[in-house]
Amino acid sequence: MNYLHGFHAGNHADVLKHMVLLALLARLKQKDKPFFILDTHAGRGQYLIQGEQARKTDEARGGIFKLIVLKKLPEVLNNYLKQVERVNPVGSLINYPGSPLLTAQQLRDGDRLVCVEMQKGEADALKQLFAHDSKVQVQHGDGYQAIKALLPPTPRRGLVLIDPPYEAQEQEFLQILQSLQDALSRWPTGQYAVWYPIKQRASIKSFLRKAAQLPCRTVLAIELLVRPDNSPLRMNGSGMLLINPPFRIDADLHPGMRQLAELLDDGGASFTMKWLKTENPEAVN
C-alpha cells in the first residue's frame, strides 16, 4: 500500500468525513454510559497542513481553508472547526487532526478508542501521538482483521469507522461489505460509518444497493459533490455510509451539508442524504 493521507489532509472529503464523525460522537456523548470506538484505517493522527506533502497537492485549499475563518456557521460545522482549532495556535492553521485525534478529543473517562494502521511509519507516529493517553490503544496491523478480533467490544455502545485508501475501489467495496456482514453478526447494535470516494457512479450504486441488504436496522447514505458527478476529474466528491445511525442524525447534519455545498463549490456542488433502509420513513432531503 502506497497511500499516504498527508497529501490529502484537510480536503473536501476530510471536511465531510470529520463533520459527520463528530456529529456521531456528539450523539454518543448524550448518554452517561461509556462507549467504544474502532478506527480501522487510522493514519498518523495529525498532519502538517502546510507541510511538504500537503503543498504538493494543495487540496486543503478546497477544503478546510475555505471554512476556518468563517463565523455564524451551523452548529455541526462550528463544532468541527472548534476541534480543528484546538490543535493549532490562535489565528493560524498549521496542523490538521485526523479522525483518531478528533475522536480522542471527545473521550471521557471510561470511553475507549482503538486505532489500527497498516503502514508502520504511520502507526509509529500514531503511537507517539497517544503515548500518554491511556484511553487510546494503537495497533499496527490490518483494520479489517481488527473488526473480527475486537467485536463485540466492551463497552457495548459505540462506533466503527472504516476509512480505507481505496487503491483498488471495486476490491475495497467488496472487502467493506464482507467486513460489515461479519461485524453485524458479532455486534448487531453497533454503529458503523464508512467513508467512500465518488469516482465511478456505477460501482457506488452497486455498493450502496448491497449495503441496504445488510442485516441491520437502518442505512443512511450522505454524499457531498464539489463538482458535477460526470466531471472527468478524478474525485468529484465523497460519501459517508452510516449503518444503525442515531435517530434524527440527518436533521443534525442537514444544515452543515447545505452550507458545505455552498462553501466548497468547485463548479457545481450538491449534496444528498438518502435513507437506503429505515424503520422510520422520515428523511431530510
Protein backbone atom coordinates (compact mmCIF):
# COMPACT_ATOMS: atom_id res chain seq x y z
CA MET A 1 0.00 0.00 0.00
CA ASN A 2 1.45 3.34 -1.11
CA TYR A 3 -1.27 5.71 0.09
CA LEU A 4 -0.27 8.50 2.48
CA HIS A 5 -3.04 10.75 3.73
CA GLY A 6 -0.68 13.65 4.28
CA PHE A 7 -1.11 14.55 0.60
CA HIS A 8 -4.88 14.93 1.08
CA ALA A 9 -5.34 16.11 4.67
CA GLY A 10 -7.98 18.79 5.12
CA ASN A 11 -9.52 18.41 1.67
CA HIS A 12 -13.28 18.44 0.98
CA ALA A 13 -13.52 14.72 1.77
CA ASP A 14 -11.93 15.20 5.19
CA VAL A 15 -14.28 18.08 5.95
CA LEU A 16 -17.31 15.89 5.23
CA LYS A 17 -15.96 12.82 7.00
CA HIS A 18 -14.92 14.64 10.14
CA MET A 19 -18.05 16.75 10.43
CA VAL A 20 -20.13 13.56 10.28
CA LEU A 21 -17.83 11.69 12.68
CA LEU A 22 -18.05 14.43 15.30
CA ALA A 23 -21.84 14.56 14.97
CA LEU A 24 -21.99 10.82 15.65
CA LEU A 25 -19.69 11.18 18.65
CA ALA A 26 -21.79 14.05 20.00
CA ARG A 27 -24.84 11.77 19.97
CA LEU A 28 -22.93 9.02 21.79
CA LYS A 29 -21.90 11.54 24.45
CA GLN A 30 -25.52 12.48 25.16
CA LYS A 31 -25.71 9.45 27.46
CA ASP A 32 -23.51 9.00 30.51
CA LYS A 33 -22.74 5.40 29.56
CA PRO A 34 -19.21 4.81 28.18
CA PHE A 35 -18.60 3.95 24.52
CA PHE A 36 -16.04 2.16 22.32
CA ILE A 37 -14.65 3.45 19.02
CA LEU A 38 -12.66 1.41 16.48
CA ASP A 39 -10.83 3.36 13.74
CA THR A 40 -9.78 0.68 11.23
CA HIS A 41 -7.57 2.78 8.92
CA ALA A 42 -6.35 5.43 11.30
CA GLY A 43 -3.36 7.08 9.60
CA ARG A 44 -0.90 9.08 11.71
CA GLY A 45 -3.48 11.11 13.61
CA GLN A 46 -2.22 14.60 12.77
CA TYR A 47 -0.85 16.23 9.63
CA LEU A 48 1.11 19.34 8.77
CA ILE A 49 -1.46 21.20 6.71
CA GLN A 50 1.26 23.37 5.16
CA GLY A 51 3.93 20.67 5.09
CA GLU A 52 5.70 19.26 2.05
CA GLN A 53 3.12 16.57 1.28
CA ALA A 54 0.12 18.89 1.65
CA ARG A 55 1.73 21.60 -0.50
CA LYS A 56 2.27 19.18 -3.38
CA THR A 57 -1.47 18.72 -3.87
CA ASP A 58 -2.81 21.87 -2.15
CA GLU A 59 -6.12 20.02 -1.64
CA ALA A 60 -6.75 21.71 1.70
CA ARG A 61 -7.30 24.99 -0.18
CA GLY A 62 -10.54 23.48 -1.45
CA GLY A 63 -11.47 22.20 1.98
CA ILE A 64 -10.62 23.37 5.48
CA PHE A 65 -9.06 26.67 4.35
CA LYS A 66 -12.41 27.76 2.91
CA LEU A 67 -14.06 27.33 6.30
CA ILE A 68 -11.62 28.10 9.07
CA VAL A 69 -12.06 31.90 9.13
CA LEU A 70 -15.87 31.88 8.81
CA LYS A 71 -18.33 32.71 11.58
CA LYS A 72 -22.05 32.09 12.11
CA LEU A 73 -21.95 28.61 10.63
CA PRO A 74 -24.39 25.82 11.57
CA GLU A 75 -23.67 24.18 14.93
CA VAL A 76 -22.47 20.93 13.39
CA LEU A 77 -19.84 22.81 11.36
CA ASN A 78 -18.88 25.11 14.23
CA ASN A 79 -18.20 22.08 16.41
CA TYR A 80 -15.95 20.60 13.73
CA LEU A 81 -13.99 23.84 13.31
CA LYS A 82 -13.54 24.20 17.08
CA GLN A 83 -11.92 20.77 17.21
CA VAL A 84 -9.54 21.71 14.38
CA GLU A 85 -8.66 24.96 16.17
CA ARG A 86 -7.81 23.03 19.35
CA VAL A 87 -4.62 21.64 17.75
CA ASN A 88 -3.50 24.98 16.28
CA PRO A 89 -2.11 28.26 17.61
CA VAL A 90 -4.73 31.00 17.85
CA GLY A 91 -5.38 32.57 14.46
CA SER A 92 -3.38 30.07 12.38
CA LEU A 93 -3.84 26.72 10.66
CA ILE A 94 -0.70 24.61 10.83
CA ASN A 95 -1.95 21.18 11.90
CA TYR A 96 -4.89 19.15 10.69
CA PRO A 97 -6.26 16.50 13.09
CA GLY A 98 -7.13 13.12 11.61
CA SER A 99 -10.02 11.02 12.83
CA PRO A 100 -8.06 9.42 15.73
CA LEU A 101 -7.17 12.78 17.25
CA LEU A 102 -10.64 14.24 16.69
CA THR A 103 -12.12 11.18 18.38
CA ALA A 104 -9.64 11.22 21.26
CA GLN A 105 -10.58 14.84 21.96
CA GLN A 106 -14.15 13.66 22.67
CA LEU A 107 -13.35 10.78 25.02
CA ARG A 108 -14.47 10.82 28.63
CA ASP A 109 -13.36 8.62 31.50
CA GLY A 110 -14.46 5.10 30.64
CA ASP A 111 -14.59 5.65 26.88
CA ARG A 112 -12.18 3.65 24.68
CA LEU A 113 -10.58 4.22 21.28
CA VAL A 114 -8.66 1.57 19.35
CA CYS A 115 -6.78 2.81 16.27
CA VAL A 116 -5.42 0.36 13.69
CA GLU A 117 -2.99 1.35 10.93
CA MET A 118 -1.32 -0.91 8.36
CA GLN A 119 1.68 1.26 7.46
CA LYS A 120 4.36 1.03 10.12
CA GLY A 121 5.61 4.61 9.82
CA GLU A 122 2.11 5.98 10.23
CA ALA A 123 1.35 3.59 13.09
CA ASP A 124 4.57 4.60 14.87
CA ALA A 125 3.63 8.28 14.58
CA LEU A 126 0.19 7.48 15.96
CA LYS A 127 1.67 5.57 18.90
CA GLN A 128 3.86 8.56 19.71
CA LEU A 129 0.89 10.93 19.49
CA PHE A 130 -1.06 8.92 22.08
CA ALA A 131 1.83 7.69 24.18
CA HIS A 132 0.41 9.34 27.30
CA ASP A 133 -3.31 8.77 26.69
CA SER A 134 -4.50 5.62 28.47
CA LYS A 135 -7.92 5.79 26.78
CA VAL A 136 -6.35 5.22 23.34
CA GLN A 137 -4.78 1.98 22.10
CA VAL A 138 -2.83 1.90 18.81
CA GLN A 139 -2.25 -1.30 16.82
CA HIS A 140 -0.05 -1.81 13.77
CA GLY A 141 -1.99 -4.21 11.56
CA ASP A 142 -4.96 -4.90 9.33
CA GLY A 143 -8.08 -2.94 10.26
CA TYR A 144 -10.43 -5.49 8.74
CA GLN A 145 -8.86 -8.22 10.87
CA ALA A 146 -9.29 -5.97 13.90
CA ILE A 147 -13.04 -5.98 13.30
CA LYS A 148 -13.03 -9.75 13.75
CA ALA A 149 -10.71 -9.64 16.74
CA LEU A 150 -12.27 -6.78 18.71
CA LEU A 151 -16.03 -7.11 18.17
CA PRO A 152 -18.19 -7.25 20.16
CA PRO A 153 -16.39 -4.70 22.32
CA THR A 154 -16.53 -3.63 25.93
CA PRO A 155 -18.39 -1.37 26.50
CA ARG A 156 -21.14 -2.42 24.09
CA ARG A 157 -22.05 1.09 22.90
CA GLY A 158 -20.06 2.67 20.12
CA LEU A 159 -18.93 3.06 16.56
CA VAL A 160 -16.63 1.53 13.96
CA LEU A 161 -15.12 3.97 11.44
CA ILE A 162 -13.96 2.37 8.19
CA ASP A 163 -11.93 4.75 6.04
CA PRO A 164 -9.64 2.78 3.70
CA PRO A 165 -7.42 4.22 0.92
CA TYR A 166 -9.40 2.65 -1.98
CA GLU A 167 -6.32 1.88 -4.04
CA ALA A 168 -8.49 -0.71 -5.81
CA GLN A 169 -12.04 0.62 -5.46
CA GLU A 170 -14.05 -2.45 -6.54
CA GLN A 171 -11.99 -4.76 -4.33
CA GLU A 172 -12.27 -2.36 -1.40
CA PHE A 173 -16.06 -2.18 -1.68
CA LEU A 174 -16.22 -5.98 -1.59
CA GLN A 175 -13.97 -6.12 1.48
CA ILE A 176 -16.05 -3.49 3.26
CA LEU A 177 -19.31 -5.33 2.64
CA GLN A 178 -17.83 -8.60 3.85
CA SER A 179 -16.48 -6.92 6.97
CA LEU A 180 -19.79 -5.21 7.70
CA GLN A 181 -21.63 -8.51 7.31
CA ASP A 182 -19.26 -10.14 9.79
CA ALA A 183 -19.29 -7.15 12.16
CA LEU A 184 -23.08 -7.05 12.32
CA SER A 185 -23.20 -10.75 13.14
CA ARG A 186 -20.87 -10.06 16.09
CA TRP A 187 -22.20 -6.66 17.14
CA PRO A 188 -25.67 -6.04 15.64
CA THR A 189 -26.35 -2.98 17.81
CA GLY A 190 -23.11 -1.21 16.91
CA GLN A 191 -22.91 1.85 14.69
CA TYR A 192 -20.74 1.79 11.57
CA ALA A 193 -19.54 4.69 9.44
CA VAL A 194 -17.87 4.09 6.07
CA TRP A 195 -16.23 6.85 4.03
CA TYR A 196 -16.13 6.32 0.25
CA PRO A 197 -14.85 8.37 -2.71
CA ILE A 198 -17.15 9.32 -5.57
CA LYS A 199 -15.31 8.45 -8.76
CA GLN A 200 -17.30 5.89 -10.74
CA ARG A 201 -21.02 6.14 -10.06
CA ALA A 202 -21.84 2.65 -11.35
CA SER A 203 -19.68 0.90 -8.75
CA ILE A 204 -21.06 3.14 -5.98
CA LYS A 205 -24.65 2.27 -6.93
CA SER A 206 -23.83 -1.42 -6.61
CA PHE A 207 -22.09 -0.88 -3.28
CA LEU A 208 -25.00 1.07 -1.81
CA ARG A 209 -27.57 -1.39 -3.11
CA LYS A 210 -25.75 -4.25 -1.38
CA ALA A 211 -25.27 -2.20 1.77
CA ALA A 212 -29.04 -1.74 2.00
CA GLN A 213 -29.36 -5.54 2.18
CA LEU A 214 -27.15 -5.90 5.24
CA PRO A 215 -28.76 -7.34 8.40
CA CYS A 216 -29.19 -4.02 10.20
CA ARG A 217 -31.98 -1.66 11.21
CA THR A 218 -31.13 1.46 9.21
CA VAL A 219 -28.75 2.63 6.47
CA LEU A 220 -28.17 6.28 5.57
CA ALA A 221 -26.03 7.47 2.63
CA ILE A 222 -24.71 11.04 2.79
CA GLU A 223 -22.89 12.47 -0.23
CA LEU A 224 -21.19 15.77 -0.98
CA LEU A 225 -20.21 16.61 -4.55
CA VAL A 226 -18.00 19.65 -5.06
CA ARG A 227 -18.31 19.45 -8.85
CA PRO A 228 -20.69 17.61 -11.22
CA ASP A 229 -20.80 13.83 -10.98
CA ASN A 230 -19.75 13.47 -14.62
CA SER A 231 -16.64 15.65 -14.33
CA PRO A 232 -13.53 13.98 -15.77
CA LEU A 233 -11.57 15.00 -12.67
CA ARG A 234 -10.58 12.06 -10.52
CA MET A 235 -12.66 12.56 -7.36
CA ASN A 236 -15.73 14.77 -7.59
CA GLY A 237 -16.90 14.22 -4.04
CA SER A 238 -17.29 11.62 -1.35
CA GLY A 239 -19.85 9.98 0.86
CA MET A 240 -20.48 8.55 4.29
CA LEU A 241 -22.43 5.33 4.64
CA LEU A 242 -23.96 5.11 8.11
CA ILE A 243 -25.20 1.79 9.49
CA ASN A 244 -27.51 1.96 12.53
CA PRO A 245 -27.01 5.73 12.95
CA PRO A 246 -28.71 7.59 15.80
CA PHE A 247 -32.27 8.76 15.31
CA ARG A 248 -32.51 12.15 13.55
CA ILE A 249 -28.80 12.32 12.74
CA ASP A 250 -29.89 13.51 9.29
CA ALA A 251 -31.55 16.54 10.88
CA ASP A 252 -28.34 17.25 12.83
CA LEU A 253 -26.27 17.17 9.65
CA HIS A 254 -28.58 18.80 7.12
CA PRO A 255 -27.68 22.46 7.87
CA GLY A 256 -23.98 21.65 7.68
CA MET A 257 -24.35 19.73 4.42
CA ARG A 258 -26.25 22.59 2.83
CA GLN A 259 -23.55 25.04 3.94
CA LEU A 260 -20.71 22.81 2.67
CA ALA A 261 -22.32 22.58 -0.76
CA GLU A 262 -22.23 26.37 -0.91
CA LEU A 263 -18.78 26.94 0.54
CA LEU A 264 -16.86 24.11 -1.16
CA ASP A 265 -18.43 24.57 -4.59
CA ASP A 266 -15.95 23.92 -7.41
CA GLY A 267 -18.25 24.38 -10.38
CA GLY A 268 -21.43 22.51 -9.49
CA ALA A 269 -21.64 21.33 -5.89
CA SER A 270 -24.57 19.40 -4.44
CA PHE A 271 -25.42 17.10 -1.57
CA THR A 272 -27.80 14.22 -0.91
CA MET A 273 -28.95 12.45 2.23
CA LYS A 274 -30.83 9.26 1.45
CA TRP A 275 -32.17 6.55 3.71
CA LEU A 276 -31.43 3.27 1.96
CA LYS A 277 -33.07 1.28 4.74
CA THR A 278 -35.07 2.67 7.59
CA GLU A 279 -37.53 1.82 10.33
CA ASN A 280 -38.64 5.45 10.20
CA PRO A 281 -39.79 6.70 6.77
CA GLU A 282 -38.93 10.33 7.61
CA ALA A 283 -35.77 11.69 5.98
CA VAL A 284 -34.30 15.09 5.29
CA ASN A 285 -33.98 15.71 1.54
